[in-house]
Amino acid sequence: MKIRKAEKKDIPRILALLGQVLQIHAEIRPDIFIPGTTKYTPCELAERFYEKMGMKTKERQMEYIL
């Protein structure tokens, strides 16, 4: 399996996946998580593709996109 960076064309599927995760959390903690809501709009998610967060240690450098 080849892993690649997310692209704008992936946004609908990523939002669907985030929705599934939210639903699981909402079933467990409805006092914190609201079913049927989204964490990001499509525009906000697209912007996140370009925000790198990382940590550098002696052994390795780890980066991820929120």
PDB file of N, CA and C in Angstrom:
ATOM      1  N   MET A   1       0.850  -1.167   0.000  1.00  0.00           N
ATOM      2  CA  MET A   1       0.000   0.000   0.000  1.00  0.00           C
ATOM      3  C   MET A   1       0.899   1.235   0.000  1.00  0.00           C
ATOM      4  N   LYS A   2       0.610   2.156  -0.879  1.00  0.00           N
ATOM      5  CA  LYS A   2       1.363   3.400  -0.951  1.00  0.00           C
ATOM      6  C   LYS A   2       0.636   4.460  -0.120  1.00  0.00           C
ATOM      7  N   ILE A   3       1.386   5.155   0.709  1.00  0.00           N
ATOM      8  CA  ILE A   3       0.821   6.227   1.523  1.00  0.00           C
ATOM      9  C   ILE A   3       1.239   7.549   0.913  1.00  0.00           C
ATOM     10  N   ARG A   4       0.291   8.447   0.754  1.00  0.00           N
ATOM     11  CA  ARG A   4       0.581   9.755   0.172  1.00  0.00           C
ATOM     12  C   ARG A   4      -0.044  10.833   1.028  1.00  0.00           C
ATOM     13  N   LYS A   5       0.363  12.056   0.774  1.00  0.00           N
ATOM     14  CA  LYS A   5      -0.225  13.184   1.488  1.00  0.00           C
ATOM     15  C   LYS A   5      -1.658  13.386   1.010  1.00  0.00           C
ATOM     16  N   ALA A   6      -2.490  13.846   1.908  1.00  0.00           N
ATOM     17  CA  ALA A   6      -3.884  14.119   1.545  1.00  0.00           C
ATOM     18  C   ALA A   6      -3.943  15.281   0.565  1.00  0.00           C
ATOM     19  N   GLU A   7      -4.914  15.230  -0.312  1.00  0.00           N
ATOM     20  CA  GLU A   7      -5.125  16.273  -1.311  1.00  0.00           C
ATOM     21  C   GLU A   7      -6.555  16.779  -1.194  1.00  0.00           C
ATOM     22  N   LYS A   8      -6.818  17.898  -1.855  1.00  0.00           N
ATOM     23  CA  LYS A   8      -8.166  18.481  -1.792  1.00  0.00           C
ATOM     24  C   LYS A   8      -9.240  17.494  -2.243  1.00  0.00           C
ATOM     25  N   LYS A   9      -8.914  16.640  -3.192  1.00  0.00           N
ATOM     26  CA  LYS A   9      -9.904  15.670  -3.677  1.00  0.00           C
ATOM     27  C   LYS A   9     -10.305  14.664  -2.596  1.00  0.00           C
ATOM     28  N   ASP A  10      -9.505  14.558  -1.545  1.00  0.00           N
ATOM     29  CA  ASP A  10      -9.777  13.623  -0.453  1.00  0.00           C
ATOM     30  C   ASP A  10     -10.705  14.193   0.612  1.00  0.00           C
ATOM     31  N   ILE A  11     -10.998  15.476   0.556  1.00  0.00           N
ATOM     32  CA  ILE A  11     -11.760  16.144   1.613  1.00  0.00           C
ATOM     33  C   ILE A  11     -13.102  15.469   1.915  1.00  0.00           C
ATOM     34  N   PRO A  12     -13.934  15.139   0.935  1.00  0.00           N
ATOM     35  CA  PRO A  12     -15.218  14.504   1.279  1.00  0.00           C
ATOM     36  C   PRO A  12     -15.048  13.208   2.076  1.00  0.00           C
ATOM     37  N   ARG A  13     -14.084  12.393   1.696  1.00  0.00           N
ATOM     38  CA  ARG A  13     -13.872  11.122   2.404  1.00  0.00           C
ATOM     39  C   ARG A  13     -13.307  11.351   3.804  1.00  0.00           C
ATOM     40  N   ILE A  14     -12.414  12.323   3.940  1.00  0.00           N
ATOM     41  CA  ILE A  14     -11.848  12.636   5.258  1.00  0.00           C
ATOM     42  C   ILE A  14     -12.943  13.146   6.184  1.00  0.00           C
ATOM     43  N   LEU A  15     -13.809  14.014   5.673  1.00  0.00           N
ATOM     44  CA  LEU A  15     -14.915  14.525   6.488  1.00  0.00           C
ATOM     45  C   LEU A  15     -15.857  13.396   6.907  1.00  0.00           C
ATOM     46  N   ALA A  16     -16.089  12.451   6.005  1.00  0.00           N
ATOM     47  CA  ALA A  16     -16.938  11.303   6.347  1.00  0.00           C
ATOM     48  C   ALA A  16     -16.288  10.468   7.451  1.00  0.00           C
ATOM     49  N   LEU A  17     -14.995  10.257   7.348  1.00  0.00           N
ATOM     50  CA  LEU A  17     -14.276   9.493   8.368  1.00  0.00           C
ATOM     51  C   LEU A  17     -14.287  10.221   9.711  1.00  0.00           C
ATOM     52  N   LEU A  18     -14.045  11.522   9.699  1.00  0.00           N
ATOM     53  CA  LEU A  18     -14.111  12.309  10.935  1.00  0.00           C
ATOM     54  C   LEU A  18     -15.513  12.259  11.541  1.00  0.00           C
ATOM     55  N   GLY A  19     -16.533  12.230  10.688  1.00  0.00           N
ATOM     56  CA  GLY A  19     -17.911  12.120  11.167  1.00  0.00           C
ATOM     57  C   GLY A  19     -18.162  10.799  11.873  1.00  0.00           C
ATOM     58  N   GLN A  20     -17.593   9.722  11.343  1.00  0.00           N
ATOM     59  CA  GLN A  20     -17.736   8.414  11.982  1.00  0.00           C
ATOM     60  C   GLN A  20     -17.056   8.389  13.352  1.00  0.00           C
ATOM     61  N   VAL A  21     -15.876   8.991  13.424  1.00  0.00           N
ATOM     62  CA  VAL A  21     -15.155   9.056  14.703  1.00  0.00           C
ATOM     63  C   VAL A  21     -15.955   9.880  15.706  1.00  0.00           C
ATOM     64  N   LEU A  22     -16.494  11.008  15.259  1.00  0.00           N
ATOM     65  CA  LEU A  22     -17.304  11.855  16.140  1.00  0.00           C
ATOM     66  C   LEU A  22     -18.525  11.091  16.655  1.00  0.00           C
ATOM     67  N   GLN A  23     -19.159  10.323  15.788  1.00  0.00           N
ATOM     68  CA  GLN A  23     -20.347   9.571  16.188  1.00  0.00           C
ATOM     69  C   GLN A  23     -20.027   8.577  17.300  1.00  0.00           C
ATOM     70  N   ILE A  24     -18.891   7.909  17.165  1.00  0.00           N
ATOM     71  CA  ILE A  24     -18.474   6.960  18.208  1.00  0.00           C
ATOM     72  C   ILE A  24     -18.261   7.690  19.527  1.00  0.00           C
ATOM     73  N   HIS A  25     -17.575   8.829  19.467  1.00  0.00           N
ATOM     74  CA  HIS A  25     -17.338   9.602  20.683  1.00  0.00           C
ATOM     75  C   HIS A  25     -18.653  10.125  21.273  1.00  0.00           C
ATOM     76  N   ALA A  26     -19.559  10.563  20.414  1.00  0.00           N
ATOM     77  CA  ALA A  26     -20.833  11.112  20.884  1.00  0.00           C
ATOM     78  C   ALA A  26     -21.684  10.048  21.574  1.00  0.00           C
ATOM     79  N   GLU A  27     -21.601   8.812  21.102  1.00  0.00           N
ATOM     80  CA  GLU A  27     -22.348   7.730  21.750  1.00  0.00           C
ATOM     81  C   GLU A  27     -21.821   7.462  23.157  1.00  0.00           C
ATOM     82  N   ILE A  28     -20.522   7.625  23.322  1.00  0.00           N
ATOM     83  CA  ILE A  28     -19.904   7.369  24.627  1.00  0.00           C
ATOM     84  C   ILE A  28     -20.016   8.580  25.550  1.00  0.00           C
ATOM     85  N   ARG A  29     -19.805   9.781  25.006  1.00  0.00           N
ATOM     86  CA  ARG A  29     -19.810  11.003  25.817  1.00  0.00           C
ATOM     87  C   ARG A  29     -20.683  12.085  25.169  1.00  0.00           C
ATOM     88  N   PRO A  30     -22.009  11.910  25.179  1.00  0.00           N
ATOM     89  CA  PRO A  30     -22.890  12.905  24.566  1.00  0.00           C
ATOM     90  C   PRO A  30     -22.849  14.257  25.274  1.00  0.00           C
ATOM     91  N   ASP A  31     -22.312  14.285  26.485  1.00  0.00           N
ATOM     92  CA  ASP A  31     -22.188  15.551  27.202  1.00  0.00           C
ATOM     93  C   ASP A  31     -21.058  16.415  26.637  1.00  0.00           C
ATOM     94  N   ILE A  32     -20.145  15.798  25.904  1.00  0.00           N
ATOM     95  CA  ILE A  32     -19.010  16.533  25.335  1.00  0.00           C
ATOM     96  C   ILE A  32     -19.120  16.654  23.819  1.00  0.00           C
ATOM     97  N   PHE A  33     -19.500  15.571  23.149  1.00  0.00           N
ATOM     98  CA  PHE A  33     -19.530  15.528  21.690  1.00  0.00           C
ATOM     99  C   PHE A  33     -20.965  15.594  21.187  1.00  0.00           C
ATOM    100  N   ILE A  34     -21.213  16.451  20.213  1.00  0.00           N
ATOM    101  CA  ILE A  34     -22.554  16.658  19.671  1.00  0.00           C
ATOM    102  C   ILE A  34     -22.685  15.898  18.350  1.00  0.00           C
ATOM    103  N   PRO A  35     -23.590  14.923  18.291  1.00  0.00           N
ATOM    104  CA  PRO A  35     -23.767  14.160  17.051  1.00  0.00           C
ATOM    105  C   PRO A  35     -24.187  15.060  15.892  1.00  0.00           C
ATOM    106  N   GLY A  36     -23.734  14.700  14.695  1.00  0.00           N
ATOM    107  CA  GLY A  36     -24.138  15.424  13.499  1.00  0.00           C
ATOM    108  C   GLY A  36     -23.397  16.725  13.255  1.00  0.00           C
ATOM    109  N   THR A  37     -22.405  17.040  14.079  1.00  0.00           N
ATOM    110  CA  THR A  37     -21.615  18.249  13.859  1.00  0.00           C
ATOM    111  C   THR A  37     -20.304  17.864  13.180  1.00  0.00           C
ATOM    112  N   THR A  38     -19.559  18.857  12.746  1.00  0.00           N
ATOM    113  CA  THR A  38     -18.253  18.605  12.154  1.00  0.00           C
ATOM    114  C   THR A  38     -17.209  19.474  12.835  1.00  0.00           C
ATOM    115  N   LYS A  39     -16.005  18.947  12.903  1.00  0.00           N
ATOM    116  CA  LYS A  39     -14.905  19.686  13.517  1.00  0.00           C
ATOM    117  C   LYS A  39     -14.391  20.756  12.562  1.00  0.00           C
ATOM    118  N   TYR A  40     -14.362  20.434  11.264  1.00  0.00           N
ATOM    119  CA  TYR A  40     -13.832  21.352  10.260  1.00  0.00           C
ATOM    120  C   TYR A  40     -14.816  21.519   9.108  1.00  0.00           C
ATOM    121  N   THR A  41     -14.821  22.693   8.514  1.00  0.00           N
ATOM    122  CA  THR A  41     -15.510  22.882   7.242  1.00  0.00           C
ATOM    123  C   THR A  41     -14.554  22.386   6.156  1.00  0.00           C
ATOM    124  N   PRO A  42     -15.040  22.171   4.936  1.00  0.00           N
ATOM    125  CA  PRO A  42     -14.123  21.761   3.870  1.00  0.00           C
ATOM    126  C   PRO A  42     -12.969  22.754   3.670  1.00  0.00           C
ATOM    127  N   CYS A  43     -13.237  24.041   3.781  1.00  0.00           N
ATOM    128  CA  CYS A  43     -12.176  25.051   3.620  1.00  0.00           C
ATOM    129  C   CYS A  43     -11.157  24.970   4.748  1.00  0.00           C
ATOM    130  N   GLU A  44     -11.627  24.799   5.973  1.00  0.00           N
ATOM    131  CA  GLU A  44     -10.707  24.688   7.114  1.00  0.00           C
ATOM    132  C   GLU A  44      -9.829  23.445   6.988  1.00  0.00           C
ATOM    133  N   LEU A  45     -10.423  22.365   6.526  1.00  0.00           N
ATOM    134  CA  LEU A  45      -9.659  21.133   6.362  1.00  0.00           C
ATOM    135  C   LEU A  45      -8.595  21.306   5.282  1.00  0.00           C
ATOM    136  N   ALA A  46      -8.938  21.956   4.185  1.00  0.00           N
ATOM    137  CA  ALA A  46      -7.969  22.209   3.115  1.00  0.00           C
ATOM    138  C   ALA A  46      -6.795  23.035   3.637  1.00  0.00           C
ATOM    139  N   GLU A  47      -7.070  24.018   4.479  1.00  0.00           N
ATOM    140  CA  GLU A  47      -6.002  24.832   5.062  1.00  0.00           C
ATOM    141  C   GLU A  47      -5.103  23.988   5.959  1.00  0.00           C
ATOM    142  N   ARG A  48      -5.676  23.035   6.656  1.00  0.00           N
ATOM    143  CA  ARG A  48      -4.905  22.185   7.573  1.00  0.00           C
ATOM    144  C   ARG A  48      -3.896  21.312   6.830  1.00  0.00           C
ATOM    145  N   PHE A  49      -4.149  21.016   5.570  1.00  0.00           N
ATOM    146  CA  PHE A  49      -3.221  20.200   4.796  1.00  0.00           C
ATOM    147  C   PHE A  49      -1.839  20.841   4.726  1.00  0.00           C
ATOM    148  N   TYR A  50      -1.790  22.162   4.865  1.00  0.00           N
ATOM    149  CA  TYR A  50      -0.533  22.880   4.698  1.00  0.00           C
ATOM    150  C   TYR A  50       0.096  23.301   6.017  1.00  0.00           C
ATOM    151  N   GLU A  51      -0.542  22.992   7.134  1.00  0.00           N
ATOM    152  CA  GLU A  51       0.000  23.324   8.448  1.00  0.00           C
ATOM    153  C   GLU A  51       0.743  22.115   8.991  1.00  0.00           C
ATOM    154  N   LYS A  52       2.035  22.221   9.057  1.00  0.00           N
ATOM    155  CA  LYS A  52       2.821  21.109   9.593  1.00  0.00           C
ATOM    156  C   LYS A  52       3.083  21.330  11.068  1.00  0.00           C
ATOM    157  N   MET A  53       2.952  20.272  11.799  1.00  0.00           N
ATOM    158  CA  MET A  53       3.310  20.273  13.209  1.00  0.00           C
ATOM    159  C   MET A  53       4.377  19.199  13.333  1.00  0.00           C
ATOM    160  N   GLY A  54       5.337  19.431  14.166  1.00  0.00           N
ATOM    161  CA  GLY A  54       6.364  18.408  14.247  1.00  0.00           C
ATOM    162  C   GLY A  54       7.134  18.436  15.540  1.00  0.00           C
ATOM    163  N   MET A  55       7.975  17.454  15.663  1.00  0.00           N
ATOM    164  CA  MET A  55       8.831  17.325  16.826  1.00  0.00           C
ATOM    165  C   MET A  55      10.145  16.736  16.334  1.00  0.00           C
ATOM    166  N   LYS A  56      11.241  17.340  16.735  1.00  0.00           N
ATOM    167  CA  LYS A  56      12.534  16.833  16.314  1.00  0.00           C
ATOM    168  C   LYS A  56      13.298  16.357  17.544  1.00  0.00           C
ATOM    169  N   THR A  57      13.793  15.142  17.469  1.00  0.00           N
ATOM    170  CA  THR A  57      14.606  14.591  18.544  1.00  0.00           C
ATOM    171  C   THR A  57      15.930  14.150  17.935  1.00  0.00           C
ATOM    172  N   LYS A  58      16.845  13.717  18.762  1.00  0.00           N
ATOM    173  CA  LYS A  58      18.128  13.228  18.247  1.00  0.00           C
ATOM    174  C   LYS A  58      17.931  12.030  17.326  1.00  0.00           C
ATOM    175  N   GLU A  59      16.987  11.186  17.682  1.00  0.00           N
ATOM    176  CA  GLU A  59      16.801   9.947  16.935  1.00  0.00           C
ATOM    177  C   GLU A  59      16.069  10.130  15.610  1.00  0.00           C
ATOM    178  N   ARG A  60      15.088  11.012  15.617  1.00  0.00           N
ATOM    179  CA  ARG A  60      14.274  11.125  14.404  1.00  0.00           C
ATOM    180  C   ARG A  60      13.476  12.416  14.404  1.00  0.00           C
ATOM    181  N   GLN A  61      12.941  12.718  13.264  1.00  0.00           N
ATOM    182  CA  GLN A  61      12.050  13.865  13.134  1.00  0.00           C
ATOM    183  C   GLN A  61      10.681  13.334  12.753  1.00  0.00           C
ATOM    184  N   MET A  62       9.661  13.771  13.483  1.00  0.00           N
ATOM    185  CA  MET A  62       8.304  13.319  13.196  1.00  0.00           C
ATOM    186  C   MET A  62       7.462  14.528  12.820  1.00  0.00           C
ATOM    187  N   GLU A  63       6.719  14.414  11.753  1.00  0.00           N
ATOM    188  CA  GLU A  63       5.821  15.484  11.334  1.00  0.00           C
ATOM    189  C   GLU A  63       4.466  14.887  11.013  1.00  0.00           C
ATOM    190  N   TYR A  64       3.468  15.689  11.206  1.00  0.00           N
ATOM    191  CA  TYR A  64       2.129  15.279  10.826  1.00  0.00           C
ATOM    192  C   TYR A  64       1.316  16.521  10.516  1.00  0.00           C
ATOM    193  N   ILE A  65       0.240  16.333   9.836  1.00  0.00           N
ATOM    194  CA  ILE A  65      -0.670  17.423   9.510  1.00  0.00           C
ATOM    195  C   ILE A  65      -1.937  17.206  10.304  1.00  0.00           C
ATOM    196  N   LEU A  66      -2.426  18.269  10.917  1.00  0.00           N
ATOM    197  CA  LEU A  66      -3.641  18.171  11.730  1.00  0.00           C
ATOM    198  C   LEU A  66      -4.836  17.855  10.877  1.00  0.00           C
TER     199      LEU A  66
END
